[in-house]
C-alpha atoms as a PDB file:
ATOM      1  CA  UNK A   1      32.720  -2.588  54.241  1.00  0.00           C
ATOM      2  CA  UNK A   2      31.215  -1.065  51.122  1.00  0.00           C
ATOM      3  CA  UNK A   3      31.094  -2.910  47.822  1.00  0.00           C
ATOM      4  CA  UNK A   4      32.953  -1.627  44.816  1.00  0.00           C
ATOM      5  CA  UNK A   5      31.006   0.105  42.102  1.00  0.00           C
ATOM      6  CA  UNK A   6      32.198  -1.259  38.801  1.00  0.00           C
ATOM      7  CA  UNK A   7      31.431   0.881  35.812  1.00  0.00           C
ATOM      8  CA  UNK A   8      31.470  -0.986  32.557  1.00  0.00           C
ATOM      9  CA  UNK A   9      30.948   0.301  29.076  1.00  0.00           C
ATOM     10  CA  UNK A  10      28.309  -1.446  26.979  1.00  0.00           C
ATOM     11  CA  UNK A  11      29.610  -4.060  24.566  1.00  0.00           C
ATOM     12  CA  UNK A  12      27.163  -2.868  21.916  1.00  0.00           C
ATOM     13  CA  UNK A  13      26.374   0.738  21.040  1.00  0.00           C
ATOM     14  CA  UNK A  14      23.496   2.269  19.107  1.00  0.00           C
ATOM     15  CA  UNK A  15      23.833   4.781  16.269  1.00  0.00           C
ATOM     16  CA  UNK A  16      24.139   7.735  18.650  1.00  0.00           C
ATOM     17  CA  UNK A  17      26.864   5.876  20.551  1.00  0.00           C
ATOM     18  CA  UNK A  18      28.724   5.172  17.318  1.00  0.00           C
ATOM     19  CA  UNK A  19      28.523   8.865  16.466  1.00  0.00           C
ATOM     20  CA  UNK A  20      29.940   9.787  19.850  1.00  0.00           C
ATOM     21  CA  UNK A  21      32.781   7.288  19.541  1.00  0.00           C
ATOM     22  CA  UNK A  22      33.676   8.385  16.006  1.00  0.00           C
ATOM     23  CA  UNK A  23      33.063  12.095  16.512  1.00  0.00           C
ATOM     24  CA  UNK A  24      30.574  12.369  13.644  1.00  0.00           C
ATOM     25  CA  UNK A  25      26.925  13.316  13.267  1.00  0.00           C
ATOM     26  CA  UNK A  26      24.022  10.941  12.803  1.00  0.00           C
ATOM     27  CA  UNK A  27      23.388  11.941   9.187  1.00  0.00           C
ATOM     28  CA  UNK A  28      27.093  11.390   8.443  1.00  0.00           C
ATOM     29  CA  UNK A  29      26.927   7.917  10.028  1.00  0.00           C
ATOM     30  CA  UNK A  30      23.947   6.919   7.905  1.00  0.00           C
ATOM     31  CA  UNK A  31      25.562   8.327   4.755  1.00  0.00           C
ATOM     32  CA  UNK A  32      28.767   6.413   5.486  1.00  0.00           C
ATOM     33  CA  UNK A  33      26.749   3.262   6.126  1.00  0.00           C
ATOM     34  CA  UNK A  34      24.786   3.585   2.858  1.00  0.00           C
ATOM     35  CA  UNK A  35      27.895   4.291   0.787  1.00  0.00           C
ATOM     36  CA  UNK A  36      29.967   1.477   2.307  1.00  0.00           C
ATOM     37  CA  UNK A  37      32.474   3.825   3.947  1.00  0.00           C
ATOM     38  CA  UNK A  38      31.533   2.460   7.373  1.00  0.00           C
ATOM     39  CA  UNK A  39      33.185  -0.945   7.664  1.00  0.00           C
ATOM     40  CA  UNK A  40      31.282  -2.562  10.544  1.00  0.00           C
ATOM     41  CA  UNK A  41      27.716  -3.420   9.573  1.00  0.00           C
ATOM     42  CA  UNK A  42      26.271  -3.717  13.027  1.00  0.00           C
ATOM     43  CA  UNK A  43      23.846  -6.277  14.366  1.00  0.00           C
ATOM     44  CA  UNK A  44      20.076  -6.277  14.266  1.00  0.00           C
ATOM     45  CA  UNK A  45      18.624  -7.041  17.706  1.00  0.00           C
ATOM     46  CA  UNK A  46      14.871  -6.848  17.651  1.00  0.00           C
ATOM     47  CA  UNK A  47      14.177  -3.436  16.146  1.00  0.00           C
ATOM     48  CA  UNK A  48      17.513  -1.950  17.120  1.00  0.00           C
ATOM     49  CA  UNK A  49      20.724  -1.835  15.176  1.00  0.00           C
ATOM     50  CA  UNK A  50      23.789  -2.062  17.390  1.00  0.00           C
ATOM     51  CA  UNK A  51      27.504  -2.093  16.701  1.00  0.00           C
ATOM     52  CA  UNK A  52      30.088  -4.008  18.731  1.00  0.00           C
ATOM     53  CA  UNK A  53      32.326  -1.451  20.438  1.00  0.00           C
ATOM     54  CA  UNK A  54      35.365  -3.702  19.989  1.00  0.00           C
ATOM     55  CA  UNK A  55      34.805  -4.022  16.235  1.00  0.00           C
ATOM     56  CA  UNK A  56      34.500  -0.250  15.891  1.00  0.00           C
ATOM     57  CA  UNK A  57      37.807   0.153  17.709  1.00  0.00           C
ATOM     58  CA  UNK A  58      39.462  -2.493  15.515  1.00  0.00           C
ATOM     59  CA  UNK A  59      38.098  -0.787  12.403  1.00  0.00           C
ATOM     60  CA  UNK A  60      39.517   2.594  13.454  1.00  0.00           C
ATOM     61  CA  UNK A  61      42.854   0.968  14.387  1.00  0.00           C
ATOM     62  CA  UNK A  62      42.951  -0.569  10.892  1.00  0.00           C
ATOM     63  CA  UNK A  63      42.605   2.868   9.297  1.00  0.00           C
ATOM     64  CA  UNK A  64      38.823   2.867   8.675  1.00  0.00           C
ATOM     65  CA  UNK A  65      38.791   0.753   5.500  1.00  0.00           C
ATOM     66  CA  UNK A  66      35.678   0.613   3.332  1.00  0.00           C
ATOM     67  CA  UNK A  67      33.155  -2.124   4.102  1.00  0.00           C
ATOM     68  CA  UNK A  68      34.170  -4.538   1.344  1.00  0.00           C
ATOM     69  CA  UNK A  69      37.778  -4.465   2.542  1.00  0.00           C
ATOM     70  CA  UNK A  70      36.729  -4.686   6.194  1.00  0.00           C
ATOM     71  CA  UNK A  71      34.491  -7.707   5.569  1.00  0.00           C
ATOM     72  CA  UNK A  72      37.284  -9.515   3.718  1.00  0.00           C
ATOM     73  CA  UNK A  73      39.743  -8.683   6.500  1.00  0.00           C
ATOM     74  CA  UNK A  74      37.387 -10.102   9.134  1.00  0.00           C
ATOM     75  CA  UNK A  75      36.780 -13.257   7.051  1.00  0.00           C
ATOM     76  CA  UNK A  76      40.523 -13.795   6.684  1.00  0.00           C
ATOM     77  CA  UNK A  77      41.044 -13.328  10.440  1.00  0.00           C
ATOM     78  CA  UNK A  78      38.308 -15.871  11.254  1.00  0.00           C
ATOM     79  CA  UNK A  79      39.819 -18.295   8.751  1.00  0.00           C
ATOM     80  CA  UNK A  80      43.301 -17.932  10.281  1.00  0.00           C
ATOM     81  CA  UNK A  81      41.913 -18.212  13.811  1.00  0.00           C
ATOM     82  CA  UNK A  82      40.069 -21.426  13.005  1.00  0.00           C
ATOM     83  CA  UNK A  83      43.287 -22.953  11.672  1.00  0.00           C
ATOM     84  CA  UNK A  84      41.760 -23.828   8.313  1.00  0.00           C
ATOM     85  CA  UNK A  85      43.965 -23.934   5.222  1.00  0.00           C
END
């Protein structure tokens, strides 16, 4: 009996992965990041900057709001999830 091969997508993607997911070029990604058009800020892991795939999907589903709106939205969601008033 052969074992199943399970293909999983990475939870975090680098800049090239973000570009692939969003259908944009690298220079566009960096311009969007600098200007605040890109909502998710990504995470710094060692020398690499990575973005959570799930957050990118949520950001697109929300209509790609600017960073300041995205950050406030995420704060509000965490606040509601924690049950704080």
